[in-house]
Amino acid sequence: MKKIKIAVFLTVAILALTGCKQATNESESKKKESSTTETKKESIVYTAVVKEDGAAEKGGILVKDITPVDSKNTTPPVLTNDVILITDGTNLLNAKTKEKVDMIDVKSGMTVKITLAKEPVSTMSLPPQIPGKDVYKIVVVE
C-alpha cells in the first residue's frame, strides 16, 4: 500500500512539474514575440537611391542619398554615406504591386523606401553594411 501511495505521489509531482515547465516555455515564447513586435514598431522609413545594380552586391543592395521620410527624424551617422543593406530578398517589394522583387531586377538609379530599425546595427567596413535583421522592408519605387 505504501508503494502505491509513493508511486501516485511521484506521478502527480512529475505531471505538476511538466505542466509548470510548459507554462513557463509558453510564457517565454509570448515574451519573445512581443519584444520582436515592439522592436519592429521602433523603425524609421528612409528614401534612398540605388547606387549599383542588385546583382552587383551578393546578398545586398548598395544605396546612397539616404534621407528620412519624416523630417522630424535625423539620419544616423552610419547612414550619411553609401550603405550596403544586407537582405535575402524576402523583404524586397514592388511599391505598386506589393509583390516580391528579385535582387537582379533592382537597377542603379532606382528610388527605394527603406524601413530600418530606429538604431540599426552596422559594420565598421567601408561602405558600412546593415544586417538583414535591422532591414525590415525595402520597397522599390522606381
N, C-alpha and C. Protein backbone atom coordinates (compact mmCIF):
# COMPACT_ATOMS: atom_id res chain seq x y z
N MET A 1 0.82 -1.19 0.00
CA MET A 1 0.00 0.00 0.00
C MET A 1 0.86 1.26 0.00
N LYS A 2 1.93 1.21 0.79
CA LYS A 2 2.83 2.35 0.87
C LYS A 2 3.49 2.62 -0.48
N LYS A 3 3.82 1.55 -1.23
CA LYS A 3 4.45 1.69 -2.55
C LYS A 3 3.50 2.35 -3.53
N ILE A 4 2.23 2.03 -3.43
CA ILE A 4 1.24 2.63 -4.33
C ILE A 4 1.11 4.13 -4.05
N LYS A 5 1.08 4.52 -2.77
CA LYS A 5 0.99 5.93 -2.42
C LYS A 5 2.20 6.70 -2.94
N ILE A 6 3.38 6.09 -2.80
CA ILE A 6 4.60 6.74 -3.27
C ILE A 6 4.55 6.89 -4.80
N ALA A 7 4.10 5.84 -5.49
CA ALA A 7 4.02 5.89 -6.95
C ALA A 7 3.03 6.96 -7.41
N VAL A 8 1.88 7.05 -6.74
CA VAL A 8 0.88 8.06 -7.08
C VAL A 8 1.45 9.46 -6.81
N PHE A 9 2.11 9.64 -5.68
CA PHE A 9 2.71 10.94 -5.35
C PHE A 9 3.73 11.36 -6.39
N LEU A 10 4.62 10.43 -6.77
CA LEU A 10 5.65 10.74 -7.77
C LEU A 10 5.02 11.08 -9.13
N THR A 11 3.99 10.35 -9.51
CA THR A 11 3.31 10.62 -10.79
C THR A 11 2.69 12.01 -10.79
N VAL A 12 2.01 12.36 -9.70
CA VAL A 12 1.39 13.68 -9.59
C VAL A 12 2.46 14.78 -9.61
N ALA A 13 3.55 14.56 -8.89
CA ALA A 13 4.63 15.54 -8.84
C ALA A 13 5.24 15.75 -10.22
N ILE A 14 5.47 14.67 -10.95
CA ILE A 14 6.05 14.78 -12.30
C ILE A 14 5.10 15.52 -13.24
N LEU A 15 3.81 15.20 -13.17
CA LEU A 15 2.83 15.89 -14.02
C LEU A 15 2.76 17.38 -13.68
N ALA A 16 2.81 17.70 -12.40
CA ALA A 16 2.75 19.10 -11.99
C ALA A 16 3.98 19.86 -12.49
N LEU A 17 5.15 19.26 -12.36
CA LEU A 17 6.38 19.92 -12.82
C LEU A 17 6.38 20.08 -14.33
N THR A 18 5.92 19.09 -15.05
CA THR A 18 5.86 19.17 -16.51
C THR A 18 4.91 20.29 -16.94
N GLY A 19 3.77 20.40 -16.29
CA GLY A 19 2.80 21.46 -16.61
C GLY A 19 3.37 22.83 -16.35
N CYS A 20 4.10 22.99 -15.25
CA CYS A 20 4.72 24.28 -14.93
C CYS A 20 5.77 24.65 -15.97
N LYS A 21 6.55 23.66 -16.41
CA LYS A 21 7.59 23.94 -17.39
C LYS A 21 6.97 24.37 -18.71
N GLN A 22 5.88 23.69 -19.12
CA GLN A 22 5.22 24.07 -20.37
C GLN A 22 4.66 25.48 -20.28
N ALA A 23 4.08 25.84 -19.14
CA ALA A 23 3.53 27.18 -18.97
C ALA A 23 4.65 28.21 -19.05
N THR A 24 5.80 27.90 -18.45
CA THR A 24 6.94 28.81 -18.49
C THR A 24 7.44 28.97 -19.93
N ASN A 25 7.55 27.85 -20.67
CA ASN A 25 8.01 27.92 -22.06
C ASN A 25 7.05 28.75 -22.91
N GLU A 26 5.73 28.57 -22.70
CA GLU A 26 4.75 29.34 -23.46
C GLU A 26 4.86 30.82 -23.12
N SER A 27 5.06 31.12 -21.83
CA SER A 27 5.20 32.50 -21.40
C SER A 27 6.43 33.14 -22.02
N GLU A 28 7.56 32.42 -22.02
CA GLU A 28 8.79 32.94 -22.62
C GLU A 28 8.62 33.16 -24.11
N SER A 29 7.92 32.23 -24.77
CA SER A 29 7.68 32.36 -26.21
C SER A 29 6.86 33.61 -26.51
N LYS A 30 5.82 33.89 -25.72
CA LYS A 30 5.00 35.08 -25.92
C LYS A 30 5.80 36.35 -25.68
N LYS A 31 6.71 36.32 -24.68
CA LYS A 31 7.55 37.49 -24.41
C LYS A 31 8.45 37.77 -25.60
N LYS A 32 9.04 36.72 -26.20
CA LYS A 32 9.92 36.90 -27.35
C LYS A 32 9.15 37.49 -28.52
N GLU A 33 7.92 36.99 -28.76
CA GLU A 33 7.10 37.50 -29.86
C GLU A 33 6.78 38.97 -29.66
N SER A 34 6.39 39.34 -28.43
CA SER A 34 6.03 40.73 -28.18
C SER A 34 7.23 41.64 -28.28
N SER A 35 8.41 41.18 -27.83
CA SER A 35 9.60 42.03 -27.94
C SER A 35 10.01 42.20 -29.39
N THR A 36 9.83 41.16 -30.22
CA THR A 36 10.13 41.28 -31.64
C THR A 36 9.18 42.27 -32.29
N THR A 37 7.91 42.21 -31.94
CA THR A 37 6.91 43.13 -32.49
C THR A 37 7.23 44.55 -32.06
N GLU A 38 7.60 44.74 -30.78
CA GLU A 38 7.94 46.07 -30.30
C GLU A 38 9.15 46.62 -31.04
N THR A 39 10.13 45.76 -31.29
CA THR A 39 11.33 46.19 -31.99
C THR A 39 10.99 46.67 -33.39
N LYS A 40 10.14 45.92 -34.08
CA LYS A 40 9.78 46.31 -35.44
C LYS A 40 8.95 47.59 -35.46
N LYS A 41 8.26 47.90 -34.38
CA LYS A 41 7.50 49.14 -34.33
C LYS A 41 8.44 50.33 -34.24
N GLU A 42 9.60 50.12 -33.63
CA GLU A 42 10.58 51.20 -33.49
C GLU A 42 11.42 51.26 -34.76
N SER A 43 10.85 51.86 -35.78
CA SER A 43 11.53 51.90 -37.08
C SER A 43 11.41 53.28 -37.68
N ILE A 44 12.26 53.53 -38.68
CA ILE A 44 12.22 54.79 -39.41
C ILE A 44 12.24 54.45 -40.90
N VAL A 45 11.43 55.16 -41.66
CA VAL A 45 11.38 54.97 -43.11
C VAL A 45 12.27 56.02 -43.77
N TYR A 46 13.10 55.56 -44.69
CA TYR A 46 14.02 56.42 -45.43
C TYR A 46 13.77 56.26 -46.92
N THR A 47 14.13 57.28 -47.69
CA THR A 47 14.22 57.12 -49.14
C THR A 47 15.70 57.09 -49.47
N ALA A 48 16.03 56.41 -50.54
CA ALA A 48 17.43 56.31 -50.97
C ALA A 48 17.45 56.02 -52.46
N VAL A 49 18.61 56.19 -53.04
CA VAL A 49 18.82 55.89 -54.45
C VAL A 49 19.77 54.70 -54.54
N VAL A 50 19.41 53.73 -55.37
CA VAL A 50 20.26 52.55 -55.56
C VAL A 50 21.49 52.99 -56.33
N LYS A 51 22.67 52.66 -55.79
CA LYS A 51 23.92 53.09 -56.41
C LYS A 51 24.43 52.07 -57.42
N GLU A 52 24.24 50.78 -57.14
CA GLU A 52 24.68 49.71 -58.05
C GLU A 52 23.55 48.72 -58.25
N ASP A 53 23.52 48.10 -59.41
CA ASP A 53 22.51 47.08 -59.68
C ASP A 53 22.49 46.03 -58.57
N GLY A 54 21.31 45.49 -58.29
CA GLY A 54 21.15 44.50 -57.23
C GLY A 54 22.02 43.27 -57.40
N ALA A 55 22.36 42.94 -58.64
CA ALA A 55 23.20 41.76 -58.88
C ALA A 55 24.66 42.02 -58.55
N ALA A 56 25.08 43.29 -58.41
CA ALA A 56 26.48 43.62 -58.16
C ALA A 56 26.93 43.23 -56.74
N GLU A 57 26.09 43.41 -55.76
CA GLU A 57 26.40 43.08 -54.36
C GLU A 57 25.69 41.79 -54.00
N LYS A 58 26.45 40.75 -53.71
CA LYS A 58 25.81 39.48 -53.34
C LYS A 58 25.10 39.62 -52.00
N GLY A 59 23.79 39.39 -52.01
CA GLY A 59 23.01 39.42 -50.78
C GLY A 59 22.70 40.80 -50.24
N GLY A 60 23.01 41.84 -51.00
CA GLY A 60 22.76 43.18 -50.50
C GLY A 60 22.54 44.18 -51.62
N ILE A 61 22.12 45.38 -51.24
CA ILE A 61 21.90 46.46 -52.18
C ILE A 61 22.68 47.67 -51.69
N LEU A 62 23.48 48.26 -52.56
CA LEU A 62 24.24 49.46 -52.22
C LEU A 62 23.39 50.68 -52.54
N VAL A 63 23.15 51.52 -51.51
CA VAL A 63 22.32 52.71 -51.70
C VAL A 63 23.08 53.96 -51.27
N LYS A 64 22.60 55.11 -51.75
CA LYS A 64 23.19 56.41 -51.41
C LYS A 64 22.06 57.41 -51.18
N ASP A 65 22.41 58.61 -50.76
CA ASP A 65 21.44 59.69 -50.54
C ASP A 65 20.28 59.26 -49.65
N ILE A 66 20.62 58.70 -48.50
CA ILE A 66 19.60 58.20 -47.57
C ILE A 66 19.03 59.38 -46.77
N THR A 67 17.70 59.53 -46.85
CA THR A 67 17.02 60.64 -46.19
C THR A 67 15.77 60.12 -45.49
N PRO A 68 15.54 60.52 -44.24
CA PRO A 68 14.31 60.10 -43.57
C PRO A 68 13.07 60.70 -44.26
N VAL A 69 12.02 59.93 -44.37
CA VAL A 69 10.78 60.42 -44.97
C VAL A 69 10.16 61.49 -44.06
N ASP A 70 10.16 61.22 -42.75
CA ASP A 70 9.62 62.17 -41.77
C ASP A 70 10.73 63.14 -41.37
N SER A 71 10.53 64.41 -41.60
CA SER A 71 11.58 65.40 -41.34
C SER A 71 11.92 65.54 -39.86
N LYS A 72 11.08 64.99 -38.97
CA LYS A 72 11.38 65.02 -37.53
C LYS A 72 12.54 64.09 -37.17
N ASN A 73 12.76 63.09 -38.00
CA ASN A 73 13.84 62.13 -37.73
C ASN A 73 15.14 62.63 -38.32
N THR A 74 16.22 62.30 -37.65
CA THR A 74 17.54 62.65 -38.18
C THR A 74 18.20 61.39 -38.73
N THR A 75 19.09 61.59 -39.65
CA THR A 75 19.81 60.47 -40.24
C THR A 75 20.98 60.08 -39.33
N PRO A 76 21.03 58.82 -38.87
CA PRO A 76 22.16 58.40 -38.04
C PRO A 76 23.47 58.54 -38.82
N PRO A 77 24.58 58.79 -38.13
CA PRO A 77 25.87 58.97 -38.81
C PRO A 77 26.24 57.83 -39.75
N VAL A 78 25.87 56.61 -39.39
CA VAL A 78 26.23 55.46 -40.23
C VAL A 78 25.56 55.54 -41.60
N LEU A 79 24.47 56.29 -41.71
CA LEU A 79 23.73 56.36 -42.97
C LEU A 79 24.05 57.60 -43.80
N THR A 80 25.03 58.39 -43.40
CA THR A 80 25.31 59.63 -44.12
C THR A 80 26.03 59.41 -45.45
N ASN A 81 26.64 58.27 -45.64
CA ASN A 81 27.32 57.95 -46.90
C ASN A 81 26.64 56.74 -47.54
N ASP A 82 27.31 56.12 -48.49
CA ASP A 82 26.79 54.91 -49.10
C ASP A 82 26.71 53.80 -48.05
N VAL A 83 25.69 52.94 -48.19
CA VAL A 83 25.47 51.85 -47.25
C VAL A 83 25.02 50.62 -48.02
N ILE A 84 25.50 49.46 -47.59
CA ILE A 84 25.01 48.20 -48.16
C ILE A 84 23.95 47.65 -47.23
N LEU A 85 22.75 47.44 -47.76
CA LEU A 85 21.66 46.84 -47.00
C LEU A 85 21.67 45.35 -47.27
N ILE A 86 21.96 44.55 -46.26
CA ILE A 86 22.01 43.10 -46.42
C ILE A 86 20.57 42.58 -46.35
N THR A 87 20.18 41.84 -47.38
CA THR A 87 18.82 41.29 -47.44
C THR A 87 18.84 39.97 -48.19
N ASP A 88 17.98 39.08 -47.79
CA ASP A 88 17.86 37.82 -48.53
C ASP A 88 16.80 37.93 -49.62
N GLY A 89 16.23 39.12 -49.76
CA GLY A 89 15.24 39.35 -50.81
C GLY A 89 13.81 39.14 -50.36
N THR A 90 13.59 38.55 -49.18
CA THR A 90 12.22 38.30 -48.74
C THR A 90 11.50 39.59 -48.38
N ASN A 91 12.25 40.62 -48.05
CA ASN A 91 11.62 41.89 -47.67
C ASN A 91 11.78 42.96 -48.74
N LEU A 92 11.98 42.54 -49.97
CA LEU A 92 12.17 43.43 -51.11
C LEU A 92 10.89 43.41 -51.95
N LEU A 93 10.15 44.54 -51.96
CA LEU A 93 8.83 44.57 -52.58
C LEU A 93 8.69 45.67 -53.62
N ASN A 94 7.76 45.48 -54.56
CA ASN A 94 7.41 46.49 -55.56
C ASN A 94 6.38 47.43 -54.93
N ALA A 95 6.56 48.73 -55.08
CA ALA A 95 5.68 49.73 -54.46
C ALA A 95 4.24 49.63 -54.97
N LYS A 96 4.06 49.37 -56.26
CA LYS A 96 2.72 49.34 -56.83
C LYS A 96 2.00 48.03 -56.56
N THR A 97 2.67 46.91 -56.82
CA THR A 97 2.00 45.61 -56.74
C THR A 97 2.13 44.96 -55.37
N LYS A 98 3.07 45.43 -54.54
CA LYS A 98 3.37 44.84 -53.22
C LYS A 98 3.89 43.41 -53.32
N GLU A 99 4.28 43.02 -54.53
CA GLU A 99 4.83 41.67 -54.73
C GLU A 99 6.34 41.70 -54.55
N LYS A 100 6.89 40.52 -54.28
CA LYS A 100 8.32 40.38 -54.09
C LYS A 100 9.07 40.74 -55.37
N VAL A 101 10.22 41.40 -55.20
CA VAL A 101 11.08 41.79 -56.32
C VAL A 101 12.38 41.01 -56.20
N ASP A 102 12.89 40.51 -57.31
CA ASP A 102 14.18 39.83 -57.30
C ASP A 102 15.30 40.86 -57.26
N MET A 103 16.39 40.51 -56.59
CA MET A 103 17.55 41.41 -56.47
C MET A 103 18.06 41.83 -57.85
N ILE A 104 18.04 40.91 -58.81
CA ILE A 104 18.58 41.24 -60.13
C ILE A 104 17.74 42.28 -60.87
N ASP A 105 16.49 42.50 -60.42
CA ASP A 105 15.63 43.49 -61.04
C ASP A 105 15.84 44.90 -60.48
N VAL A 106 16.62 45.02 -59.42
CA VAL A 106 16.91 46.32 -58.82
C VAL A 106 18.09 46.93 -59.58
N LYS A 107 17.86 48.08 -60.18
CA LYS A 107 18.87 48.72 -61.04
C LYS A 107 19.37 50.03 -60.45
N SER A 108 20.57 50.38 -60.81
CA SER A 108 21.18 51.64 -60.39
C SER A 108 20.28 52.81 -60.79
N GLY A 109 20.11 53.76 -59.89
CA GLY A 109 19.29 54.94 -60.15
C GLY A 109 17.86 54.82 -59.66
N MET A 110 17.41 53.60 -59.33
CA MET A 110 16.04 53.42 -58.83
C MET A 110 15.95 54.04 -57.42
N THR A 111 14.76 54.51 -57.09
CA THR A 111 14.49 55.02 -55.75
C THR A 111 13.85 53.91 -54.93
N VAL A 112 14.26 53.82 -53.67
CA VAL A 112 13.70 52.82 -52.77
C VAL A 112 13.28 53.49 -51.46
N LYS A 113 12.26 52.92 -50.83
CA LYS A 113 11.87 53.31 -49.48
C LYS A 113 12.32 52.17 -48.57
N ILE A 114 13.09 52.52 -47.57
CA ILE A 114 13.68 51.52 -46.69
C ILE A 114 13.13 51.71 -45.28
N THR A 115 12.62 50.64 -44.70
CA THR A 115 12.21 50.68 -43.31
C THR A 115 13.29 49.98 -42.50
N LEU A 116 13.97 50.78 -41.67
CA LEU A 116 15.08 50.26 -40.85
C LEU A 116 14.74 50.37 -39.38
N ALA A 117 15.46 49.60 -38.58
CA ALA A 117 15.36 49.74 -37.13
C ALA A 117 15.72 51.18 -36.77
N LYS A 118 15.16 51.67 -35.70
CA LYS A 118 15.41 53.06 -35.30
C LYS A 118 16.90 53.33 -35.12
N GLU A 119 17.61 52.37 -34.54
CA GLU A 119 19.06 52.48 -34.37
C GLU A 119 19.70 51.23 -34.98
N PRO A 120 19.89 51.20 -36.29
CA PRO A 120 20.39 49.98 -36.94
C PRO A 120 21.85 49.68 -36.58
N VAL A 121 22.13 48.40 -36.47
CA VAL A 121 23.49 47.93 -36.24
C VAL A 121 24.20 47.97 -37.59
N SER A 122 25.49 48.29 -37.60
CA SER A 122 26.22 48.28 -38.86
C SER A 122 27.65 47.83 -38.63
N THR A 123 28.29 47.40 -39.70
CA THR A 123 29.69 47.02 -39.63
C THR A 123 30.54 48.29 -39.71
N MET A 124 31.79 48.17 -39.34
CA MET A 124 32.71 49.30 -39.41
C MET A 124 33.41 49.34 -40.77
N SER A 125 32.99 48.48 -41.69
CA SER A 125 33.63 48.43 -43.02
C SER A 125 33.22 49.66 -43.84
N LEU A 126 33.92 49.85 -44.94
CA LEU A 126 33.57 50.92 -45.87
C LEU A 126 33.20 50.30 -47.21
N PRO A 127 32.01 50.46 -47.71
CA PRO A 127 30.90 51.12 -47.05
C PRO A 127 30.34 50.25 -45.92
N PRO A 128 29.68 50.90 -44.95
CA PRO A 128 29.09 50.12 -43.86
C PRO A 128 27.99 49.20 -44.38
N GLN A 129 27.76 48.12 -43.65
CA GLN A 129 26.71 47.17 -44.01
C GLN A 129 25.73 47.06 -42.85
N ILE A 130 24.45 47.07 -43.18
CA ILE A 130 23.41 46.91 -42.17
C ILE A 130 22.83 45.51 -42.35
N PRO A 131 22.85 44.69 -41.30
CA PRO A 131 22.37 43.32 -41.42
C PRO A 131 20.86 43.25 -41.62
N GLY A 132 20.42 42.14 -42.19
CA GLY A 132 19.01 41.93 -42.52
C GLY A 132 18.05 42.05 -41.36
N LYS A 133 18.50 41.75 -40.15
CA LYS A 133 17.58 41.83 -39.01
C LYS A 133 17.14 43.27 -38.73
N ASP A 134 17.93 44.25 -39.17
CA ASP A 134 17.57 45.65 -38.98
C ASP A 134 16.99 46.29 -40.24
N VAL A 135 16.93 45.53 -41.33
CA VAL A 135 16.33 45.99 -42.58
C VAL A 135 14.96 45.32 -42.66
N TYR A 136 13.92 46.04 -42.20
CA TYR A 136 12.60 45.43 -42.13
C TYR A 136 11.94 45.29 -43.49
N LYS A 137 12.11 46.30 -44.34
CA LYS A 137 11.45 46.25 -45.64
C LYS A 137 12.14 47.22 -46.59
N ILE A 138 12.24 46.81 -47.86
CA ILE A 138 12.73 47.68 -48.92
C ILE A 138 11.67 47.69 -50.01
N VAL A 139 11.14 48.85 -50.31
CA VAL A 139 10.10 48.97 -51.33
C VAL A 139 10.70 49.72 -52.53
N VAL A 140 10.69 49.07 -53.68
CA VAL A 140 11.25 49.66 -54.89
C VAL A 140 10.20 50.57 -55.51
N VAL A 141 10.49 51.88 -55.51
CA VAL A 141 9.56 52.88 -56.03
C VAL A 141 9.77 53.04 -57.53
N GLU A 142 11.00 52.99 -57.98
CA GLU A 142 11.46 53.09 -59.36
C GLU A 142 11.75 54.46 -59.77
